[in-house]
């Protein structure tokens, strides 16, 4: 079929509506359908290929991997870049880069003031202390800002989704002190991969791509009147540091990992050697006429 015939078919489909519906939904869905019709025609997609793709998406939904696919196909990173572009046009540049949330946040983590311990002492790995401040764009500390932090265990699994872990293992929420300071004790995370027999890896194999992620720690950072920051830091030295299947590594999000010992660990209840990361977060004041930085999406809650 040529484009004229396809457009006539699309118009027939659109004209079948018997009520006004939602204008925004119609605009988006009609555009997607149009682009898919063009793709099927241009690439001569066969019926068996179409149904294979549809069944694949159904299976990925059943297995809970659509969030991984959104990351692995670059959609989350693309949405971040669009937010960056909108902010740059409004004069917001610099500060802490945003990067993807991923699909494994869980609301309701225990809240601590100033400092928290994320692990329960049973997770193997080197002890980690991460500390810093939450600042406004003017460089002044933000007291009582909320730092939500979560990361995977030594097997690349996240509590709640991995029922073998204690509730909220390696997950906490921390209120900064009067000087905007936060700190937490945990273990140095390791990199991991998507489920090797899962639907995401199945598609990545077809694309000739791997499904590895470098070691990282996720954050939400928020304060009233400021734009919420969704970000993560990556652990320097990981072999996949700049080859993340989810495209989440960004300049400014790879802090130095120092080796510390002795008295420096006392405030955090650490004896002996430990890894130390110093990292400050910068939040920008909310502006009018900007896309929201608080992203509405379905999330787990415990």
C-alpha atoms as a PDB file:
ATOM      1  CA  UNK A   1       0.000   0.000   0.000  1.00  0.00           C
ATOM      2  CA  UNK A   2       1.170   3.526  -0.638  1.00  0.00           C
ATOM      3  CA  UNK A   3       0.991   6.323   1.949  1.00  0.00           C
ATOM      4  CA  UNK A   4      -2.192   7.710   0.394  1.00  0.00           C
ATOM      5  CA  UNK A   5      -3.988   4.384   0.802  1.00  0.00           C
ATOM      6  CA  UNK A   6      -2.689   4.001   4.355  1.00  0.00           C
ATOM      7  CA  UNK A   7      -3.832   7.516   5.246  1.00  0.00           C
ATOM      8  CA  UNK A   8      -7.298   6.761   3.839  1.00  0.00           C
ATOM      9  CA  UNK A   9      -7.477   3.632   6.013  1.00  0.00           C
ATOM     10  CA  UNK A  10      -6.364   5.591   9.059  1.00  0.00           C
ATOM     11  CA  UNK A  11      -9.021   8.222   8.404  1.00  0.00           C
ATOM     12  CA  UNK A  12     -11.651   5.486   8.174  1.00  0.00           C
ATOM     13  CA  UNK A  13     -10.523   4.130  11.536  1.00  0.00           C
ATOM     14  CA  UNK A  14     -10.567   7.595  13.107  1.00  0.00           C
ATOM     15  CA  UNK A  15     -14.010   8.340  11.668  1.00  0.00           C
ATOM     16  CA  UNK A  16     -15.402   5.256  13.404  1.00  0.00           C
ATOM     17  CA  UNK A  17     -15.413   7.120  16.739  1.00  0.00           C
ATOM     18  CA  UNK A  18     -18.921   7.615  18.152  1.00  0.00           C
ATOM     19  CA  UNK A  19     -17.979  10.071  20.915  1.00  0.00           C
ATOM     20  CA  UNK A  20     -15.472  12.860  21.465  1.00  0.00           C
ATOM     21  CA  UNK A  21     -13.156  10.771  23.633  1.00  0.00           C
ATOM     22  CA  UNK A  22      -9.990  12.291  25.046  1.00  0.00           C
ATOM     23  CA  UNK A  23      -8.297  14.626  22.539  1.00  0.00           C
ATOM     24  CA  UNK A  24      -4.799  14.084  23.917  1.00  0.00           C
ATOM     25  CA  UNK A  25      -5.163  10.298  23.964  1.00  0.00           C
ATOM     26  CA  UNK A  26      -6.524  10.320  20.416  1.00  0.00           C
ATOM     27  CA  UNK A  27      -3.658  12.482  19.180  1.00  0.00           C
ATOM     28  CA  UNK A  28      -1.007  10.195  20.665  1.00  0.00           C
ATOM     29  CA  UNK A  29      -2.608   6.854  19.792  1.00  0.00           C
ATOM     30  CA  UNK A  30      -3.446   7.909  16.236  1.00  0.00           C
ATOM     31  CA  UNK A  31       0.143   9.024  15.700  1.00  0.00           C
ATOM     32  CA  UNK A  32       1.519   5.728  17.047  1.00  0.00           C
ATOM     33  CA  UNK A  33      -0.840   3.691  14.875  1.00  0.00           C
ATOM     34  CA  UNK A  34       0.082   5.764  11.829  1.00  0.00           C
ATOM     35  CA  UNK A  35       3.803   5.293  12.433  1.00  0.00           C
ATOM     36  CA  UNK A  36       3.348   1.550  12.936  1.00  0.00           C
ATOM     37  CA  UNK A  37       1.303   1.219   9.746  1.00  0.00           C
ATOM     38  CA  UNK A  38       4.065   3.024   7.868  1.00  0.00           C
ATOM     39  CA  UNK A  39       6.702   0.788   9.477  1.00  0.00           C
ATOM     40  CA  UNK A  40       4.816  -2.393   8.570  1.00  0.00           C
ATOM     41  CA  UNK A  41       4.531  -1.230   4.983  1.00  0.00           C
ATOM     42  CA  UNK A  42       8.071   0.152   4.614  1.00  0.00           C
ATOM     43  CA  UNK A  43       9.753  -2.907   6.154  1.00  0.00           C
ATOM     44  CA  UNK A  44       7.292  -5.457   4.756  1.00  0.00           C
ATOM     45  CA  UNK A  45       6.505  -6.800   8.221  1.00  0.00           C
ATOM     46  CA  UNK A  46       4.768 -10.142   7.854  1.00  0.00           C
ATOM     47  CA  UNK A  47       1.733 -11.221   9.927  1.00  0.00           C
ATOM     48  CA  UNK A  48       3.775 -13.838  11.788  1.00  0.00           C
ATOM     49  CA  UNK A  49       6.334 -11.189  12.755  1.00  0.00           C
ATOM     50  CA  UNK A  50       3.604  -8.838  13.941  1.00  0.00           C
ATOM     51  CA  UNK A  51       1.963 -11.454  16.162  1.00  0.00           C
ATOM     52  CA  UNK A  52       5.329 -12.605  17.485  1.00  0.00           C
ATOM     53  CA  UNK A  53       6.038  -9.038  18.575  1.00  0.00           C
ATOM     54  CA  UNK A  54       2.602  -8.610  20.142  1.00  0.00           C
ATOM     55  CA  UNK A  55       2.877 -11.895  22.019  1.00  0.00           C
ATOM     56  CA  UNK A  56       6.370 -10.922  23.170  1.00  0.00           C
ATOM     57  CA  UNK A  57       5.053  -7.690  24.695  1.00  0.00           C
ATOM     58  CA  UNK A  58       2.281  -9.622  26.425  1.00  0.00           C
ATOM     59  CA  UNK A  59       4.808 -12.060  27.897  1.00  0.00           C
ATOM     60  CA  UNK A  60       7.101  -9.211  28.962  1.00  0.00           C
ATOM     61  CA  UNK A  61       4.168  -7.612  30.766  1.00  0.00           C
ATOM     62  CA  UNK A  62       3.320 -10.855  32.557  1.00  0.00           C
ATOM     63  CA  UNK A  63       6.925 -11.281  33.690  1.00  0.00           C
ATOM     64  CA  UNK A  64       7.123  -7.674  34.919  1.00  0.00           C
ATOM     65  CA  UNK A  65       9.931  -6.731  32.539  1.00  0.00           C
ATOM     66  CA  UNK A  66       8.378  -3.812  30.656  1.00  0.00           C
ATOM     67  CA  UNK A  67      10.239  -1.430  32.972  1.00  0.00           C
ATOM     68  CA  UNK A  68      13.524  -3.103  32.054  1.00  0.00           C
ATOM     69  CA  UNK A  69      12.643  -2.841  28.374  1.00  0.00           C
ATOM     70  CA  UNK A  70      11.901   0.880  28.752  1.00  0.00           C
ATOM     71  CA  UNK A  71      15.380   1.334  30.192  1.00  0.00           C
ATOM     72  CA  UNK A  72      17.171  -1.026  27.820  1.00  0.00           C
ATOM     73  CA  UNK A  73      15.649   0.461  24.676  1.00  0.00           C
ATOM     74  CA  UNK A  74      16.660   3.946  25.798  1.00  0.00           C
ATOM     75  CA  UNK A  75      13.198   5.364  26.492  1.00  0.00           C
ATOM     76  CA  UNK A  76      13.974   6.393  30.087  1.00  0.00           C
ATOM     77  CA  UNK A  77      17.216   8.064  29.056  1.00  0.00           C
ATOM     78  CA  UNK A  78      15.444   9.826  26.176  1.00  0.00           C
ATOM     79  CA  UNK A  79      12.796  11.200  28.549  1.00  0.00           C
ATOM     80  CA  UNK A  80      15.569  12.475  30.844  1.00  0.00           C
ATOM     81  CA  UNK A  81      17.256  14.253  27.946  1.00  0.00           C
ATOM     82  CA  UNK A  82      13.985  15.934  27.006  1.00  0.00           C
ATOM     83  CA  UNK A  83      13.602  17.209  30.587  1.00  0.00           C
ATOM     84  CA  UNK A  84      17.202  18.454  30.482  1.00  0.00           C
ATOM     85  CA  UNK A  85      16.433  20.313  27.256  1.00  0.00           C
ATOM     86  CA  UNK A  86      13.281  21.916  28.693  1.00  0.00           C
ATOM     87  CA  UNK A  87      15.184  23.059  31.786  1.00  0.00           C
ATOM     88  CA  UNK A  88      18.080  24.429  29.738  1.00  0.00           C
ATOM     89  CA  UNK A  89      15.617  26.547  27.749  1.00  0.00           C
ATOM     90  CA  UNK A  90      14.365  27.930  31.072  1.00  0.00           C
ATOM     91  CA  UNK A  91      17.903  28.778  32.163  1.00  0.00           C
ATOM     92  CA  UNK A  92      18.431  25.781  34.440  1.00  0.00           C
ATOM     93  CA  UNK A  93      21.831  24.250  33.800  1.00  0.00           C
ATOM     94  CA  UNK A  94      24.513  22.600  35.891  1.00  0.00           C
ATOM     95  CA  UNK A  95      23.855  21.069  39.264  1.00  0.00           C
ATOM     96  CA  UNK A  96      23.457  17.342  39.799  1.00  0.00           C
ATOM     97  CA  UNK A  97      22.557  15.504  36.594  1.00  0.00           C
ATOM     98  CA  UNK A  98      19.359  13.480  36.559  1.00  0.00           C
ATOM     99  CA  UNK A  99      19.339   9.932  35.335  1.00  0.00           C
ATOM    100  CA  UNK A 100      16.918   7.039  35.162  1.00  0.00           C
ATOM    101  CA  UNK A 101      14.842   5.780  38.077  1.00  0.00           C
ATOM    102  CA  UNK A 102      14.587   2.203  36.860  1.00  0.00           C
ATOM    103  CA  UNK A 103      11.682  -0.080  37.795  1.00  0.00           C
ATOM    104  CA  UNK A 104      12.683  -1.147  41.332  1.00  0.00           C
ATOM    105  CA  UNK A 105      11.839   1.695  43.731  1.00  0.00           C
ATOM    106  CA  UNK A 106       9.613   0.799  46.686  1.00  0.00           C
ATOM    107  CA  UNK A 107       7.783   3.475  48.669  1.00  0.00           C
ATOM    108  CA  UNK A 108       7.671   3.376  52.450  1.00  0.00           C
ATOM    109  CA  UNK A 109      11.319   2.822  53.395  1.00  0.00           C
ATOM    110  CA  UNK A 110      12.138   3.604  57.052  1.00  0.00           C
ATOM    111  CA  UNK A 111      12.933   7.251  57.723  1.00  0.00           C
ATOM    112  CA  UNK A 112      16.048   8.366  59.613  1.00  0.00           C
ATOM    113  CA  UNK A 113      17.336  11.779  60.617  1.00  0.00           C
ATOM    114  CA  UNK A 114      20.758  12.661  59.268  1.00  0.00           C
ATOM    115  CA  UNK A 115      22.236   9.174  59.076  1.00  0.00           C
ATOM    116  CA  UNK A 116      20.968   5.679  58.277  1.00  0.00           C
ATOM    117  CA  UNK A 117      22.293   2.158  57.977  1.00  0.00           C
ATOM    118  CA  UNK A 118      20.960   0.403  54.871  1.00  0.00           C
ATOM    119  CA  UNK A 119      22.221  -3.152  55.443  1.00  0.00           C
ATOM    120  CA  UNK A 120      21.606  -5.508  58.359  1.00  0.00           C
ATOM    121  CA  UNK A 121      25.168  -6.783  58.603  1.00  0.00           C
ATOM    122  CA  UNK A 122      24.613  -9.976  56.628  1.00  0.00           C
ATOM    123  CA  UNK A 123      25.320  -8.661  53.124  1.00  0.00           C
ATOM    124  CA  UNK A 124      28.868  -9.525  52.000  1.00  0.00           C
ATOM    125  CA  UNK A 125      31.135  -6.880  50.561  1.00  0.00           C
ATOM    126  CA  UNK A 126      33.210  -3.949  51.679  1.00  0.00           C
ATOM    127  CA  UNK A 127      31.611  -1.524  54.090  1.00  0.00           C
ATOM    128  CA  UNK A 128      30.603   1.735  52.411  1.00  0.00           C
ATOM    129  CA  UNK A 129      29.961   5.140  53.896  1.00  0.00           C
ATOM    130  CA  UNK A 130      28.456   7.784  51.634  1.00  0.00           C
ATOM    131  CA  UNK A 131      27.984  11.310  52.899  1.00  0.00           C
ATOM    132  CA  UNK A 132      27.412  14.816  51.655  1.00  0.00           C
ATOM    133  CA  UNK A 133      24.984  17.713  51.601  1.00  0.00           C
ATOM    134  CA  UNK A 134      21.832  18.722  49.772  1.00  0.00           C
ATOM    135  CA  UNK A 135      22.219  22.249  48.439  1.00  0.00           C
ATOM    136  CA  UNK A 136      20.100  24.781  46.634  1.00  0.00           C
ATOM    137  CA  UNK A 137      21.265  26.291  43.364  1.00  0.00           C
ATOM    138  CA  UNK A 138      22.687  29.208  45.379  1.00  0.00           C
ATOM    139  CA  UNK A 139      24.973  26.796  47.208  1.00  0.00           C
ATOM    140  CA  UNK A 140      23.145  27.138  50.524  1.00  0.00           C
ATOM    141  CA  UNK A 141      22.335  23.906  52.422  1.00  0.00           C
ATOM    142  CA  UNK A 142      18.763  22.647  52.453  1.00  0.00           C
ATOM    143  CA  UNK A 143      17.768  21.547  55.928  1.00  0.00           C
ATOM    144  CA  UNK A 144      15.321  18.637  56.253  1.00  0.00           C
ATOM    145  CA  UNK A 145      15.520  17.690  52.580  1.00  0.00           C
ATOM    146  CA  UNK A 146      14.562  14.090  51.877  1.00  0.00           C
ATOM    147  CA  UNK A 147      17.154  11.693  50.454  1.00  0.00           C
ATOM    148  CA  UNK A 148      15.680   8.353  49.403  1.00  0.00           C
ATOM    149  CA  UNK A 149      18.298   5.724  48.594  1.00  0.00           C
ATOM    150  CA  UNK A 150      18.149   2.144  47.334  1.00  0.00           C
ATOM    151  CA  UNK A 151      20.507  -0.366  45.722  1.00  0.00           C
ATOM    152  CA  UNK A 152      20.881  -4.054  44.936  1.00  0.00           C
ATOM    153  CA  UNK A 153      22.557  -6.740  47.046  1.00  0.00           C
ATOM    154  CA  UNK A 154      25.631  -8.763  46.074  1.00  0.00           C
ATOM    155  CA  UNK A 155      23.538 -10.908  43.739  1.00  0.00           C
ATOM    156  CA  UNK A 156      22.046  -7.946  41.896  1.00  0.00           C
ATOM    157  CA  UNK A 157      18.661  -8.393  43.568  1.00  0.00           C
ATOM    158  CA  UNK A 158      16.491  -5.775  45.257  1.00  0.00           C
ATOM    159  CA  UNK A 159      14.526  -6.279  48.458  1.00  0.00           C
ATOM    160  CA  UNK A 160      10.739  -6.554  48.114  1.00  0.00           C
ATOM    161  CA  UNK A 161      11.117  -8.027  44.625  1.00  0.00           C
ATOM    162  CA  UNK A 162      13.505 -10.610  46.102  1.00  0.00           C
ATOM    163  CA  UNK A 163      11.517 -12.175  48.937  1.00  0.00           C
ATOM    164  CA  UNK A 164      14.621 -13.802  50.440  1.00  0.00           C
ATOM    165  CA  UNK A 165      15.845 -10.407  51.661  1.00  0.00           C
ATOM    166  CA  UNK A 166      14.597  -8.653  54.808  1.00  0.00           C
ATOM    167  CA  UNK A 167      12.013  -5.945  54.292  1.00  0.00           C
ATOM    168  CA  UNK A 168      13.586  -2.702  53.050  1.00  0.00           C
ATOM    169  CA  UNK A 169      17.066  -4.203  52.972  1.00  0.00           C
ATOM    170  CA  UNK A 170      19.396  -1.655  51.322  1.00  0.00           C
ATOM    171  CA  UNK A 171      16.591   0.929  51.228  1.00  0.00           C
ATOM    172  CA  UNK A 172      16.193   3.988  53.449  1.00  0.00           C
ATOM    173  CA  UNK A 173      14.878   7.555  53.541  1.00  0.00           C
ATOM    174  CA  UNK A 174      17.057  10.172  55.245  1.00  0.00           C
ATOM    175  CA  UNK A 175      16.192  13.706  56.388  1.00  0.00           C
ATOM    176  CA  UNK A 176      19.118  16.097  56.149  1.00  0.00           C
ATOM    177  CA  UNK A 177      20.175  17.933  59.282  1.00  0.00           C
ATOM    178  CA  UNK A 178      20.152  21.696  59.827  1.00  0.00           C
ATOM    179  CA  UNK A 179      23.277  21.996  57.666  1.00  0.00           C
ATOM    180  CA  UNK A 180      21.800  19.965  54.821  1.00  0.00           C
ATOM    181  CA  UNK A 181      23.992  16.963  55.632  1.00  0.00           C
ATOM    182  CA  UNK A 182      23.123  13.311  55.062  1.00  0.00           C
ATOM    183  CA  UNK A 183      25.106  10.092  55.446  1.00  0.00           C
ATOM    184  CA  UNK A 184      24.529   6.376  55.282  1.00  0.00           C
ATOM    185  CA  UNK A 185      26.367   3.134  55.875  1.00  0.00           C
ATOM    186  CA  UNK A 186      25.941   0.169  53.558  1.00  0.00           C
ATOM    187  CA  UNK A 187      28.092  -2.194  51.494  1.00  0.00           C
ATOM    188  CA  UNK A 188      29.720  -1.377  48.163  1.00  0.00           C
ATOM    189  CA  UNK A 189      27.268  -2.612  45.495  1.00  0.00           C
ATOM    190  CA  UNK A 190      28.286  -4.730  42.530  1.00  0.00           C
ATOM    191  CA  UNK A 191      27.157  -4.679  38.924  1.00  0.00           C
ATOM    192  CA  UNK A 192      24.541  -7.100  37.684  1.00  0.00           C
ATOM    193  CA  UNK A 193      22.623  -8.148  34.585  1.00  0.00           C
ATOM    194  CA  UNK A 194      19.017  -8.477  33.502  1.00  0.00           C
ATOM    195  CA  UNK A 195      17.563 -11.976  34.049  1.00  0.00           C
ATOM    196  CA  UNK A 196      19.551 -14.132  31.597  1.00  0.00           C
ATOM    197  CA  UNK A 197      16.494 -16.182  30.559  1.00  0.00           C
ATOM    198  CA  UNK A 198      14.087 -13.230  30.681  1.00  0.00           C
ATOM    199  CA  UNK A 199      12.230 -11.363  27.964  1.00  0.00           C
ATOM    200  CA  UNK A 200      14.557  -8.356  28.073  1.00  0.00           C
ATOM    201  CA  UNK A 201      17.651 -10.432  27.393  1.00  0.00           C
ATOM    202  CA  UNK A 202      15.762 -12.296  24.677  1.00  0.00           C
ATOM    203  CA  UNK A 203      15.266  -9.042  22.775  1.00  0.00           C
ATOM    204  CA  UNK A 204      18.770  -7.776  23.538  1.00  0.00           C
ATOM    205  CA  UNK A 205      20.168 -10.973  22.026  1.00  0.00           C
ATOM    206  CA  UNK A 206      18.244 -10.229  18.837  1.00  0.00           C
ATOM    207  CA  UNK A 207      19.716  -6.712  18.842  1.00  0.00           C
ATOM    208  CA  UNK A 208      23.257  -7.959  19.446  1.00  0.00           C
ATOM    209  CA  UNK A 209      23.440  -6.155  22.809  1.00  0.00           C
ATOM    210  CA  UNK A 210      24.318  -7.138  26.383  1.00  0.00           C
ATOM    211  CA  UNK A 211      22.154  -6.585  29.458  1.00  0.00           C
ATOM    212  CA  UNK A 212      24.797  -5.584  32.018  1.00  0.00           C
ATOM    213  CA  UNK A 213      24.580  -2.695  34.457  1.00  0.00           C
ATOM    214  CA  UNK A 214      27.531  -1.176  36.332  1.00  0.00           C
ATOM    215  CA  UNK A 215      27.371  -1.022  40.123  1.00  0.00           C
ATOM    216  CA  UNK A 216      25.169   1.911  41.127  1.00  0.00           C
ATOM    217  CA  UNK A 217      23.074   3.469  43.890  1.00  0.00           C
ATOM    218  CA  UNK A 218      19.683   5.107  43.216  1.00  0.00           C
ATOM    219  CA  UNK A 219      18.405   8.355  44.739  1.00  0.00           C
ATOM    220  CA  UNK A 220      15.334  10.536  44.952  1.00  0.00           C
ATOM    221  CA  UNK A 221      16.213  13.924  46.479  1.00  0.00           C
ATOM    222  CA  UNK A 222      13.447  16.402  47.271  1.00  0.00           C
ATOM    223  CA  UNK A 223      12.652  19.525  49.263  1.00  0.00           C
ATOM    224  CA  UNK A 224       9.540  21.755  49.280  1.00  0.00           C
ATOM    225  CA  UNK A 225       9.693  24.416  46.570  1.00  0.00           C
ATOM    226  CA  UNK A 226      12.444  22.628  44.644  1.00  0.00           C
ATOM    227  CA  UNK A 227      12.402  20.348  41.628  1.00  0.00           C
ATOM    228  CA  UNK A 228      12.668  16.712  42.628  1.00  0.00           C
ATOM    229  CA  UNK A 229      15.901  15.047  41.533  1.00  0.00           C
ATOM    230  CA  UNK A 230      15.919  11.468  40.279  1.00  0.00           C
ATOM    231  CA  UNK A 231      19.457  10.213  39.874  1.00  0.00           C
ATOM    232  CA  UNK A 232      22.017   7.536  40.667  1.00  0.00           C
ATOM    233  CA  UNK A 233      25.753   7.397  41.225  1.00  0.00           C
ATOM    234  CA  UNK A 234      27.928   4.734  39.655  1.00  0.00           C
ATOM    235  CA  UNK A 235      30.873   3.025  41.306  1.00  0.00           C
ATOM    236  CA  UNK A 236      34.119   4.012  39.617  1.00  0.00           C
ATOM    237  CA  UNK A 237      36.177   1.152  38.212  1.00  0.00           C
ATOM    238  CA  UNK A 238      33.263  -1.062  37.194  1.00  0.00           C
ATOM    239  CA  UNK A 239      33.969  -2.682  33.786  1.00  0.00           C
ATOM    240  CA  UNK A 240      30.578  -1.561  32.475  1.00  0.00           C
ATOM    241  CA  UNK A 241      30.817   1.953  33.887  1.00  0.00           C
ATOM    242  CA  UNK A 242      30.466   3.604  30.452  1.00  0.00           C
ATOM    243  CA  UNK A 243      28.731   0.669  28.784  1.00  0.00           C
ATOM    244  CA  UNK A 244      25.494   0.518  30.777  1.00  0.00           C
ATOM    245  CA  UNK A 245      22.715  -1.293  28.904  1.00  0.00           C
ATOM    246  CA  UNK A 246      20.285   1.309  30.351  1.00  0.00           C
ATOM    247  CA  UNK A 247      22.384   4.342  29.279  1.00  0.00           C
ATOM    248  CA  UNK A 248      22.266   5.776  32.811  1.00  0.00           C
ATOM    249  CA  UNK A 249      25.932   6.718  33.340  1.00  0.00           C
ATOM    250  CA  UNK A 250      26.453  10.467  33.028  1.00  0.00           C
ATOM    251  CA  UNK A 251      29.313  12.875  33.630  1.00  0.00           C
ATOM    252  CA  UNK A 252      29.125  14.166  37.184  1.00  0.00           C
ATOM    253  CA  UNK A 253      27.664  10.943  38.585  1.00  0.00           C
ATOM    254  CA  UNK A 254      30.863   8.928  39.044  1.00  0.00           C
ATOM    255  CA  UNK A 255      32.315  10.114  42.363  1.00  0.00           C
ATOM    256  CA  UNK A 256      35.702   9.034  43.656  1.00  0.00           C
ATOM    257  CA  UNK A 257      35.704   6.027  45.970  1.00  0.00           C
ATOM    258  CA  UNK A 258      38.277   6.655  48.684  1.00  0.00           C
ATOM    259  CA  UNK A 259      39.727   4.114  51.077  1.00  0.00           C
ATOM    260  CA  UNK A 260      39.403   5.230  54.695  1.00  0.00           C
ATOM    261  CA  UNK A 261      40.030   3.779  58.130  1.00  0.00           C
ATOM    262  CA  UNK A 262      40.309   4.529  61.803  1.00  0.00           C
ATOM    263  CA  UNK A 263      38.737   7.531  63.441  1.00  0.00           C
ATOM    264  CA  UNK A 264      37.035   8.676  60.226  1.00  0.00           C
ATOM    265  CA  UNK A 265      34.619   5.766  60.556  1.00  0.00           C
ATOM    266  CA  UNK A 266      33.675   6.308  64.197  1.00  0.00           C
ATOM    267  CA  UNK A 267      30.738   8.700  63.542  1.00  0.00           C
ATOM    268  CA  UNK A 268      29.173   6.000  61.359  1.00  0.00           C
ATOM    269  CA  UNK A 269      29.816   3.031  63.644  1.00  0.00           C
ATOM    270  CA  UNK A 270      32.530   1.628  61.379  1.00  0.00           C
ATOM    271  CA  UNK A 271      35.716  -0.027  62.629  1.00  0.00           C
ATOM    272  CA  UNK A 272      38.665  -0.759  60.369  1.00  0.00           C
ATOM    273  CA  UNK A 273      38.895  -0.100  56.644  1.00  0.00           C
ATOM    274  CA  UNK A 274      35.932   1.080  54.569  1.00  0.00           C
ATOM    275  CA  UNK A 275      35.079   2.740  51.249  1.00  0.00           C
ATOM    276  CA  UNK A 276      34.091   6.400  51.466  1.00  0.00           C
ATOM    277  CA  UNK A 277      32.159   8.473  48.935  1.00  0.00           C
ATOM    278  CA  UNK A 278      31.607  12.207  49.380  1.00  0.00           C
ATOM    279  CA  UNK A 279      28.838  13.557  47.173  1.00  0.00           C
ATOM    280  CA  UNK A 280      26.662  16.676  47.280  1.00  0.00           C
ATOM    281  CA  UNK A 281      23.289  16.981  45.561  1.00  0.00           C
ATOM    282  CA  UNK A 282      22.103  20.296  44.115  1.00  0.00           C
ATOM    283  CA  UNK A 283      18.384  21.020  43.686  1.00  0.00           C
ATOM    284  CA  UNK A 284      16.870  23.791  41.577  1.00  0.00           C
ATOM    285  CA  UNK A 285      13.895  25.876  42.605  1.00  0.00           C
ATOM    286  CA  UNK A 286      10.627  25.026  40.923  1.00  0.00           C
ATOM    287  CA  UNK A 287       9.754  27.202  37.938  1.00  0.00           C
ATOM    288  CA  UNK A 288       6.497  27.843  36.138  1.00  0.00           C
ATOM    289  CA  UNK A 289       5.905  26.531  32.625  1.00  0.00           C
ATOM    290  CA  UNK A 290       8.238  23.550  33.027  1.00  0.00           C
ATOM    291  CA  UNK A 291       7.398  19.844  32.771  1.00  0.00           C
ATOM    292  CA  UNK A 292       7.044  18.344  36.220  1.00  0.00           C
ATOM    293  CA  UNK A 293      10.132  16.706  37.717  1.00  0.00           C
ATOM    294  CA  UNK A 294       7.881  14.516  39.872  1.00  0.00           C
ATOM    295  CA  UNK A 295       7.106  11.693  37.470  1.00  0.00           C
ATOM    296  CA  UNK A 296       3.774   9.925  37.874  1.00  0.00           C
ATOM    297  CA  UNK A 297       4.173   6.190  37.289  1.00  0.00           C
ATOM    298  CA  UNK A 298       3.091   2.969  38.940  1.00  0.00           C
ATOM    299  CA  UNK A 299       5.487   2.050  41.765  1.00  0.00           C
ATOM    300  CA  UNK A 300       5.635  -0.656  44.374  1.00  0.00           C
ATOM    301  CA  UNK A 301       4.764   0.196  47.966  1.00  0.00           C
ATOM    302  CA  UNK A 302       5.255  -1.920  51.066  1.00  0.00           C
END
